[in-house]
Amino acid sequence: MQTHFTDADLEKPHLREADRVLRSCVHCGFCNATCPTYQLLGDERDGPRGRIYLMKELLESRDDDAQVTRETQLHLDRCLTCRNCETTCPSGVEYHKLLDIGRAEVERRVDRTPKEHALRFGLRKALVDPQRFKALLALGQTFRPLVPGTLRDKLPARPVDAGTRPDGRRHARQMLILEGCVQPGLSPNTNAATARVLDRLGIGLTPAPQAGCCGAIDYHLNAQQAGRERMRANIDAWWPHIDTAGEAAVEAIVQTASGCGAFVKEYAEMLADDPDYAEKAARVSELARDLGEILRDEDLAPLAMHGQRRLAFHCPCTLQHAQRLNGLVEGVLTRLGFELTPVRDAHLCCGSAGTYSVTQPELATRLRDDKLDALEAGEPELIVTANIGCQTHLAGAGRTPVRHWIEIVDEALESATSNGLRAASGS
């Protein structure tokens, strides 16, 4: 793709990066074939190739150019950032990097309505602080009938049991875990189940209470500097457990939400120009591991279990397209004896996409219903996934129950242990 940036333009790092990404695109359109919004809407501007042209026009234009309109903003807003197009692209176009640049630029030039400003500000303030989110969640559960429908569907009907966590300090092997921002409120048992399963494998989880939201919510709502501040705060919270001698250093930073995992793995790129944090961010990204990666590399025999349930696995976009770990969790679940049903079009997004299901509810609902039809076709007992956003979005339809996959592994472990104790006692 030809670009027309001036020498002065190319002195700006974001335009130099945009020029690099734009020039890698060959206009082939393979990306449109796997783009969820293009499949729904059939509009070239709602596919990756069309959005690339819109961003090229935007970034090459001047601030007072009338071509930069609300329409450009609309088509960029409709992108899920699922990165399916990157998996499909034969030229290796790093579309998500261009999208971050384009969205920030259109946000700078095109004002939003007061309603949009309020919604985006509210999402950033309500979601990123775990304690604030838990308080708002409890309020929403108490006054559930008054909550707007798009949000009401995402609320658990009642508080969720967090379960107990073992004291992992007795283990020589230690890992950090990102607790997250909304997961402790919506599905607190996910990380507790993770601690119990890893405890069986001789791995303890070192607490780092000062770590919080990974920064993705701010960053993808175009508050990119706020997102970077959250990255730095997490690095500061984790660093004492990383920058220590010998066996005291943690082996990994475990992510149980694939969206957070994808983002933390990119800390190195996003803070590469920060002289105080670039080296630390690179080490954090190196240590970041999805939970499935941890179990994949372990001998699972100590778990002494055999899963009996028939499951449909929803592989989040952030796991299969951003982290390129498609098939990872399925392999772990198969090793543990679970039966997995086939899922057609497993590459397509469910419509959750962070805050997308709130900012674009109509499109998100259509994508969710299509995804559930595909997941339920094999008649599973349960749908399991690896990301809290997908879990909440899919469960909001009130159809087949949706859980995090590690909870199902943990339940099978508890069942195996109980059966073993009964057999040992002769009852």
Protein backbone atom coordinates (compact mmCIF):
# COMPACT_ATOMS: atom_id res chain seq x y z
CA MET A 1 0.00 0.00 0.00
CA GLN A 2 1.35 3.41 -0.96
CA THR A 3 1.37 6.10 1.71
CA HIS A 4 1.83 9.85 1.45
CA PHE A 5 3.31 11.00 4.73
CA THR A 6 5.68 13.96 4.71
CA ASP A 7 9.16 13.81 6.17
CA ALA A 8 7.85 15.89 9.08
CA ASP A 9 5.04 13.37 9.61
CA LEU A 10 7.50 10.49 9.75
CA GLU A 11 9.44 12.17 12.54
CA LYS A 12 6.44 11.41 14.76
CA PRO A 13 6.72 7.88 16.22
CA HIS A 14 3.02 7.02 15.89
CA LEU A 15 2.90 8.05 12.22
CA ARG A 16 6.15 6.24 11.49
CA GLU A 17 4.63 3.09 13.01
CA ALA A 18 1.38 3.58 11.09
CA ASP A 19 3.34 3.98 7.86
CA ARG A 20 5.13 0.69 8.50
CA VAL A 21 1.89 -1.21 9.12
CA LEU A 22 0.05 0.39 6.20
CA ARG A 23 2.84 -0.47 3.76
CA SER A 24 2.61 -4.16 4.71
CA CYS A 25 -1.02 -4.38 3.47
CA VAL A 26 -1.51 -5.70 -0.10
CA HIS A 27 -5.28 -5.05 -0.36
CA CYS A 28 -6.05 -8.77 -0.82
CA GLY A 29 -9.21 -8.76 1.30
CA PHE A 30 -8.63 -12.19 2.87
CA CYS A 31 -9.23 -10.43 6.20
CA ASN A 32 -12.83 -9.62 5.30
CA ALA A 33 -13.63 -13.32 4.94
CA THR A 34 -13.10 -13.89 8.67
CA CYS A 35 -14.19 -10.50 10.05
CA PRO A 36 -17.32 -10.89 12.23
CA THR A 37 -18.64 -7.37 11.64
CA TYR A 38 -18.11 -7.55 7.88
CA GLN A 39 -20.02 -10.84 7.82
CA LEU A 40 -22.90 -9.24 9.72
CA LEU A 41 -23.05 -5.89 7.95
CA GLY A 42 -21.55 -6.51 4.50
CA ASP A 43 -20.05 -3.01 4.45
CA GLU A 44 -16.45 -2.68 3.26
CA ARG A 45 -15.91 0.01 5.91
CA ASP A 46 -16.86 -2.53 8.58
CA GLY A 47 -14.13 -4.94 7.52
CA PRO A 48 -10.38 -4.67 8.16
CA ARG A 49 -9.46 -3.64 4.62
CA GLY A 50 -11.98 -0.81 4.61
CA ARG A 51 -10.99 0.34 8.06
CA ILE A 52 -7.34 0.38 6.98
CA TYR A 53 -8.26 2.73 4.14
CA LEU A 54 -10.25 4.93 6.53
CA MET A 55 -7.28 5.13 8.90
CA LYS A 56 -4.87 5.84 6.06
CA GLU A 57 -7.06 8.74 4.94
CA LEU A 58 -7.38 9.94 8.54
CA LEU A 59 -3.67 9.84 9.35
CA GLU A 60 -2.57 11.44 6.08
CA SER A 61 -5.03 14.33 6.44
CA ARG A 62 -4.65 17.59 8.32
CA ASP A 63 -6.52 18.49 11.49
CA ASP A 64 -9.06 20.67 9.66
CA ASP A 65 -9.80 18.11 6.94
CA ALA A 66 -13.56 17.64 6.54
CA GLN A 67 -13.03 13.99 5.51
CA VAL A 68 -12.50 13.06 9.15
CA THR A 69 -16.03 12.61 10.38
CA ARG A 70 -18.24 10.86 12.88
CA GLU A 71 -18.68 8.20 10.21
CA THR A 72 -14.99 7.30 10.43
CA GLN A 73 -15.34 7.10 14.19
CA LEU A 74 -18.41 4.87 13.89
CA HIS A 75 -16.68 2.27 11.72
CA LEU A 76 -13.62 2.16 13.97
CA ASP A 77 -15.87 1.84 17.04
CA ARG A 78 -17.61 -1.14 15.44
CA CYS A 79 -14.35 -3.09 15.24
CA LEU A 80 -14.20 -5.81 17.89
CA THR A 81 -10.38 -5.84 17.96
CA CYS A 82 -10.74 -9.62 17.80
CA ARG A 83 -7.61 -9.82 15.60
CA ASN A 84 -9.10 -12.64 13.53
CA CYS A 85 -7.90 -10.67 10.52
CA GLU A 86 -4.30 -10.94 11.75
CA THR A 87 -4.57 -14.72 11.93
CA THR A 88 -5.90 -14.77 8.37
CA CYS A 89 -3.63 -12.15 6.80
CA PRO A 90 -0.94 -13.66 4.51
CA SER A 91 1.14 -10.47 4.74
CA GLY A 92 1.36 -10.27 8.54
CA VAL A 93 -0.36 -6.89 8.84
CA GLU A 94 -0.33 -5.85 12.51
CA TYR A 95 -3.82 -4.41 12.28
CA HIS A 96 -4.34 -3.90 16.02
CA LYS A 97 -1.36 -1.53 16.23
CA LEU A 98 -2.75 0.60 13.41
CA LEU A 99 -6.18 0.52 15.05
CA ASP A 100 -4.80 1.85 18.35
CA ILE A 101 -3.16 4.72 16.48
CA GLY A 102 -6.24 5.44 14.34
CA ARG A 103 -8.66 5.38 17.26
CA ALA A 104 -6.52 7.73 19.31
CA GLU A 105 -6.28 10.15 16.38
CA VAL A 106 -10.00 10.16 15.56
CA GLU A 107 -10.76 10.60 19.27
CA ARG A 108 -8.54 13.68 19.27
CA ARG A 109 -10.24 15.20 16.24
CA VAL A 110 -13.91 14.13 16.47
CA ASP A 111 -15.93 14.93 19.55
CA ARG A 112 -18.38 12.44 21.01
CA THR A 113 -21.90 13.06 22.21
CA PRO A 114 -22.41 13.73 25.93
CA LYS A 115 -24.06 10.30 26.23
CA GLU A 116 -21.03 8.56 24.72
CA HIS A 117 -18.65 10.52 26.92
CA ALA A 118 -20.65 9.59 30.00
CA LEU A 119 -20.81 5.89 29.10
CA ARG A 120 -17.10 5.60 28.39
CA PHE A 121 -16.12 7.57 31.49
CA GLY A 122 -18.48 5.46 33.58
CA LEU A 123 -17.05 2.19 32.24
CA ARG A 124 -13.51 3.31 32.97
CA LYS A 125 -14.35 4.35 36.52
CA ALA A 126 -16.70 1.49 37.38
CA LEU A 127 -14.77 -1.47 36.02
CA VAL A 128 -11.11 -0.93 36.75
CA ASP A 129 -11.19 -0.78 40.56
CA PRO A 130 -12.12 -4.19 42.08
CA GLN A 131 -13.56 -2.81 45.31
CA ARG A 132 -15.62 -0.15 43.56
CA PHE A 133 -16.83 -2.72 41.06
CA LYS A 134 -17.83 -5.16 43.80
CA ALA A 135 -19.81 -2.42 45.56
CA LEU A 136 -21.60 -1.45 42.33
CA LEU A 137 -22.23 -5.12 41.56
CA ALA A 138 -23.85 -5.66 44.96
CA LEU A 139 -25.99 -2.56 44.40
CA GLY A 140 -27.03 -3.85 40.98
CA GLN A 141 -27.95 -7.25 42.39
CA THR A 142 -30.06 -5.61 45.10
CA PHE A 143 -31.93 -3.38 42.65
CA ARG A 144 -31.73 -5.73 39.67
CA PRO A 145 -35.12 -4.79 38.11
CA LEU A 146 -33.96 -1.18 37.79
CA VAL A 147 -30.72 -2.00 35.95
CA PRO A 148 -30.83 -1.40 32.14
CA GLY A 149 -31.21 -4.64 30.17
CA THR A 150 -27.79 -4.60 28.51
CA LEU A 151 -26.14 -4.45 31.95
CA ARG A 152 -28.69 -6.55 33.85
CA ASP A 153 -27.90 -9.59 31.69
CA LYS A 154 -24.28 -9.44 32.82
CA LEU A 155 -25.02 -9.48 36.54
CA PRO A 156 -24.93 -12.79 38.43
CA ALA A 157 -28.33 -13.23 40.06
CA ARG A 158 -26.68 -13.50 43.48
CA PRO A 159 -23.19 -13.16 44.99
CA VAL A 160 -20.80 -15.85 43.79
CA ASP A 161 -18.94 -18.01 46.33
CA ALA A 162 -15.23 -17.26 46.16
CA GLY A 163 -14.23 -20.65 47.55
CA THR A 164 -11.21 -21.19 49.77
CA ARG A 165 -7.61 -20.77 48.76
CA PRO A 166 -4.81 -22.98 50.05
CA ASP A 167 -1.78 -21.41 51.65
CA GLY A 168 0.70 -21.85 48.84
CA ARG A 169 3.67 -20.44 50.75
CA ARG A 170 4.82 -23.95 51.69
CA HIS A 171 5.77 -24.67 48.09
CA ALA A 172 9.24 -23.96 46.75
CA ARG A 173 7.77 -23.13 43.35
CA GLN A 174 5.98 -19.77 43.35
CA MET A 175 4.06 -17.79 40.74
CA LEU A 176 2.23 -14.48 40.73
CA ILE A 177 -1.37 -14.24 39.58
CA LEU A 178 -3.15 -11.23 38.11
CA GLU A 179 -6.33 -10.98 40.16
CA GLY A 180 -7.98 -8.66 37.63
CA CYS A 181 -10.60 -5.97 38.07
CA VAL A 182 -14.05 -7.42 37.30
CA GLN A 183 -13.29 -11.13 37.74
CA PRO A 184 -12.97 -10.95 41.56
CA GLY A 185 -16.57 -9.69 41.64
CA LEU A 186 -18.20 -11.61 38.79
CA SER A 187 -16.40 -14.94 39.21
CA PRO A 188 -14.22 -14.92 42.34
CA ASN A 189 -14.00 -18.71 42.38
CA THR A 190 -11.94 -18.70 39.17
CA ASN A 191 -8.70 -17.65 40.83
CA ALA A 192 -9.49 -19.68 43.95
CA ALA A 193 -9.94 -22.79 41.79
CA THR A 194 -6.67 -21.95 40.04
CA ALA A 195 -4.88 -21.80 43.40
CA ARG A 196 -6.32 -25.18 44.42
CA VAL A 197 -5.35 -26.91 41.18
CA LEU A 198 -1.84 -25.45 41.16
CA ASP A 199 -1.47 -26.40 44.83
CA ARG A 200 -2.00 -30.04 43.81
CA LEU A 201 0.87 -29.63 41.35
CA GLY A 202 3.21 -28.19 43.99
CA ILE A 203 2.90 -24.58 42.88
CA GLY A 204 2.01 -21.73 45.24
CA LEU A 205 0.64 -18.34 44.30
CA THR A 206 2.43 -15.32 45.75
CA PRO A 207 0.01 -12.48 46.54
CA ALA A 208 0.66 -9.02 45.10
CA PRO A 209 -2.29 -7.00 46.41
CA GLN A 210 -1.12 -3.72 44.92
CA ALA A 211 -1.55 -5.05 41.37
CA GLY A 212 -4.89 -4.24 39.76
CA CYS A 213 -6.50 -3.87 36.36
CA CYS A 214 -4.08 -4.77 33.56
CA GLY A 215 -4.85 -1.48 31.81
CA ALA A 216 -6.72 -2.86 28.81
CA ILE A 217 -10.05 -1.19 29.64
CA ASP A 218 -8.56 2.31 29.75
CA TYR A 219 -6.31 1.67 26.78
CA HIS A 220 -9.02 0.34 24.47
CA LEU A 221 -11.41 3.15 25.42
CA ASN A 222 -8.76 5.54 24.08
CA ALA A 223 -7.48 6.63 27.48
CA GLN A 224 -4.12 5.24 26.52
CA GLN A 225 -2.00 7.20 28.98
CA ALA A 226 -4.21 6.01 31.85
CA GLY A 227 -3.74 2.47 30.57
CA ARG A 228 0.03 2.88 30.61
CA GLU A 229 -0.11 4.18 34.18
CA ARG A 230 -1.88 0.98 35.20
CA MET A 231 0.82 -1.05 33.46
CA ARG A 232 3.50 0.79 35.44
CA ALA A 233 1.60 0.30 38.71
CA ASN A 234 1.37 -3.46 38.11
CA ILE A 235 5.05 -3.69 37.25
CA ASP A 236 5.87 -1.87 40.49
CA ALA A 237 3.67 -4.30 42.45
CA TRP A 238 5.22 -7.39 40.84
CA TRP A 239 8.83 -6.28 40.61
CA PRO A 240 9.94 -7.13 44.19
CA HIS A 241 8.91 -10.75 43.51
CA ILE A 242 10.68 -10.79 40.12
CA ASP A 243 13.88 -8.87 40.85
CA THR A 244 15.11 -11.10 43.63
CA ALA A 245 17.87 -13.62 43.86
CA GLY A 246 17.72 -17.37 43.44
CA GLU A 247 14.75 -19.54 44.33
CA ALA A 248 12.79 -16.63 45.83
CA ALA A 249 12.04 -15.28 42.35
CA VAL A 250 8.66 -16.24 40.90
CA GLU A 251 8.57 -18.50 37.84
CA ALA A 252 5.69 -16.84 36.02
CA ILE A 253 2.81 -14.39 36.17
CA VAL A 254 -0.35 -16.45 35.68
CA GLN A 255 -3.31 -14.99 33.79
CA THR A 256 -6.72 -16.65 34.14
CA ALA A 257 -8.43 -14.12 31.84
CA SER A 258 -7.05 -14.41 28.31
CA GLY A 259 -7.86 -10.76 27.59
CA CYS A 260 -5.60 -9.65 30.43
CA GLY A 261 -2.99 -12.19 29.38
CA ALA A 262 -2.85 -10.86 25.84
CA PHE A 263 -2.46 -7.33 27.15
CA VAL A 264 0.23 -8.08 29.75
CA LYS A 265 2.24 -9.94 27.12
CA GLU A 266 2.34 -6.67 25.15
CA TYR A 267 3.58 -4.50 28.03
CA ALA A 268 7.05 -4.74 26.51
CA GLU A 269 5.91 -3.19 23.22
CA MET A 270 3.69 -0.55 24.78
CA LEU A 271 6.36 0.67 27.21
CA ALA A 272 9.32 0.20 24.88
CA ASP A 273 9.95 3.97 24.76
CA ASP A 274 9.75 4.44 28.52
CA PRO A 275 13.34 4.66 29.82
CA ASP A 276 12.29 3.81 33.37
CA TYR A 277 10.07 0.84 32.57
CA ALA A 278 11.12 -0.62 29.19
CA GLU A 279 13.46 -3.25 30.66
CA LYS A 280 11.07 -4.18 33.46
CA ALA A 281 8.12 -4.38 31.06
CA ALA A 282 10.08 -6.72 28.81
CA ARG A 283 10.74 -9.03 31.77
CA VAL A 284 7.08 -8.95 32.83
CA SER A 285 5.91 -9.82 29.31
CA GLU A 286 8.43 -12.66 29.24
CA LEU A 287 7.03 -14.08 32.50
CA ALA A 288 3.34 -13.70 31.56
CA ARG A 289 1.65 -17.06 30.99
CA ASP A 290 -1.92 -18.08 30.34
CA LEU A 291 -3.07 -20.66 32.87
CA GLY A 292 -3.39 -23.18 30.05
CA GLU A 293 0.31 -22.76 29.28
CA ILE A 294 1.17 -23.64 32.89
CA LEU A 295 -0.89 -26.83 32.91
CA ARG A 296 0.24 -27.81 29.41
CA ASP A 297 3.83 -27.97 30.62
CA GLU A 298 3.13 -29.87 33.85
CA ASP A 299 2.82 -33.56 34.59
CA LEU A 300 -0.90 -33.80 35.34
CA ALA A 301 -0.70 -37.27 36.88
CA PRO A 302 -0.66 -35.86 40.47
CA LEU A 303 -4.18 -34.57 39.85
CA ALA A 304 -5.35 -38.21 39.72
CA MET A 305 -8.62 -37.37 38.03
CA HIS A 306 -10.60 -38.27 34.97
CA GLY A 307 -13.12 -35.72 33.76
CA GLN A 308 -16.51 -37.22 33.04
CA ARG A 309 -18.35 -34.25 31.60
CA ARG A 310 -19.25 -33.32 28.03
CA LEU A 311 -18.09 -29.76 27.38
CA ALA A 312 -18.08 -27.21 24.59
CA PHE A 313 -15.01 -24.99 24.76
CA HIS A 314 -15.30 -21.39 23.60
CA CYS A 315 -11.80 -20.23 22.68
CA PRO A 316 -11.67 -16.45 23.25
CA CYS A 317 -10.24 -14.26 20.49
CA THR A 318 -7.57 -13.03 22.89
CA LEU A 319 -6.39 -16.62 23.34
CA GLN A 320 -6.49 -17.84 19.75
CA HIS A 321 -5.76 -14.69 17.73
CA ALA A 322 -3.84 -12.37 20.07
CA GLN A 323 -1.81 -15.00 21.97
CA ARG A 324 -1.91 -17.59 19.15
CA LEU A 325 -2.73 -20.37 21.66
CA ASN A 326 -5.60 -21.99 19.78
CA GLY A 327 -6.00 -25.61 20.90
CA LEU A 328 -4.09 -25.08 24.13
CA VAL A 329 -6.91 -25.43 26.66
CA GLU A 330 -8.64 -28.07 24.55
CA GLY A 331 -5.46 -30.16 24.80
CA VAL A 332 -5.33 -29.82 28.59
CA LEU A 333 -9.01 -30.72 29.00
CA THR A 334 -8.60 -33.75 26.72
CA ARG A 335 -5.58 -34.93 28.73
CA LEU A 336 -7.75 -34.71 31.85
CA GLY A 337 -10.43 -36.92 30.28
CA PHE A 338 -13.14 -34.43 29.38
CA GLU A 339 -15.17 -34.97 26.22
CA LEU A 340 -15.19 -31.89 23.98
CA THR A 341 -17.93 -31.32 21.44
CA PRO A 342 -17.12 -29.88 18.00
CA VAL A 343 -17.78 -26.15 17.52
CA ARG A 344 -18.29 -24.75 14.03
CA ASP A 345 -16.74 -21.39 13.14
CA ALA A 346 -14.78 -21.48 16.37
CA HIS A 347 -12.59 -18.65 15.08
CA LEU A 348 -15.42 -16.10 15.20
CA CYS A 349 -15.85 -13.64 18.08
CA CYS A 350 -18.70 -14.01 20.59
CA GLY A 351 -19.22 -10.23 20.69
CA SER A 352 -17.92 -9.58 24.19
CA ALA A 353 -14.64 -7.88 23.22
CA GLY A 354 -13.99 -6.05 26.49
CA THR A 355 -16.53 -3.24 26.75
CA TYR A 356 -17.84 -3.77 23.20
CA SER A 357 -20.96 -5.59 24.41
CA VAL A 358 -21.91 -2.42 26.30
CA THR A 359 -20.90 0.18 23.71
CA GLN A 360 -22.24 -1.82 20.71
CA PRO A 361 -25.03 -3.95 22.25
CA GLU A 362 -26.97 -4.71 19.08
CA LEU A 363 -24.02 -6.15 17.16
CA ALA A 364 -22.72 -7.90 20.28
CA THR A 365 -26.06 -9.63 20.86
CA ARG A 366 -26.23 -10.90 17.28
CA LEU A 367 -22.70 -12.28 17.54
CA ARG A 368 -23.44 -13.85 20.92
CA ASP A 369 -26.54 -15.64 19.68
CA ASP A 370 -24.69 -16.98 16.64
CA LYS A 371 -21.85 -18.19 18.85
CA LEU A 372 -24.21 -19.92 21.28
CA ASP A 373 -25.96 -21.70 18.40
CA ALA A 374 -22.56 -23.05 17.33
CA LEU A 375 -21.51 -24.01 20.87
CA GLU A 376 -24.80 -25.75 21.66
CA ALA A 377 -24.98 -27.73 18.41
CA GLY A 378 -23.07 -30.63 20.00
CA GLU A 379 -25.42 -30.71 23.04
CA PRO A 380 -22.81 -30.13 25.77
CA GLU A 381 -23.62 -30.18 29.47
CA LEU A 382 -21.67 -26.96 29.93
CA ILE A 383 -19.89 -24.30 27.94
CA VAL A 384 -16.44 -23.43 29.27
CA THR A 385 -14.20 -20.54 28.30
CA ALA A 386 -10.98 -18.81 29.32
CA ASN A 387 -11.98 -15.15 29.64
CA ILE A 388 -14.30 -13.45 32.12
CA GLY A 389 -15.73 -11.07 29.51
CA CYS A 390 -16.74 -13.91 27.18
CA GLN A 391 -18.05 -15.92 30.13
CA THR A 392 -20.30 -13.11 31.35
CA HIS A 393 -21.48 -12.17 27.87
CA LEU A 394 -22.41 -15.72 26.85
CA ALA A 395 -24.01 -16.53 30.22
CA GLY A 396 -26.15 -13.39 29.93
CA ALA A 397 -28.32 -15.10 27.31
CA GLY A 398 -29.61 -17.49 30.00
CA ARG A 399 -29.14 -20.58 27.85
CA THR A 400 -26.52 -23.29 28.50
CA PRO A 401 -24.51 -22.54 31.69
CA VAL A 402 -21.08 -20.96 31.06
CA ARG A 403 -18.10 -21.34 33.40
CA HIS A 404 -14.34 -20.85 33.40
CA TRP A 405 -12.69 -24.13 32.45
CA ILE A 406 -10.47 -24.26 35.55
CA GLU A 407 -13.54 -24.35 37.79
CA ILE A 408 -14.70 -27.52 36.09
CA VAL A 409 -11.27 -29.09 36.52
CA ASP A 410 -11.32 -28.10 40.20
CA GLU A 411 -14.79 -29.61 40.70
CA ALA A 412 -13.67 -32.86 39.09
CA LEU A 413 -10.67 -32.91 41.43
CA GLU A 414 -12.90 -32.42 44.46
CA SER A 415 -15.16 -35.22 43.26
CA ALA A 416 -12.21 -37.57 42.71
CA THR A 417 -10.85 -36.77 46.16
CA SER A 418 -14.23 -37.36 47.84
CA ASN A 419 -14.67 -40.68 46.02
CA GLY A 420 -11.16 -41.73 47.04
CA LEU A 421 -11.81 -40.92 50.70
CA ARG A 422 -15.07 -42.85 50.68
CA ALA A 423 -13.38 -45.84 49.08
CA ALA A 424 -10.56 -45.72 51.65
CA SER A 425 -13.06 -45.67 54.53
CA GLY A 426 -15.04 -48.58 53.05
CA SER A 427 -18.29 -46.60 52.87
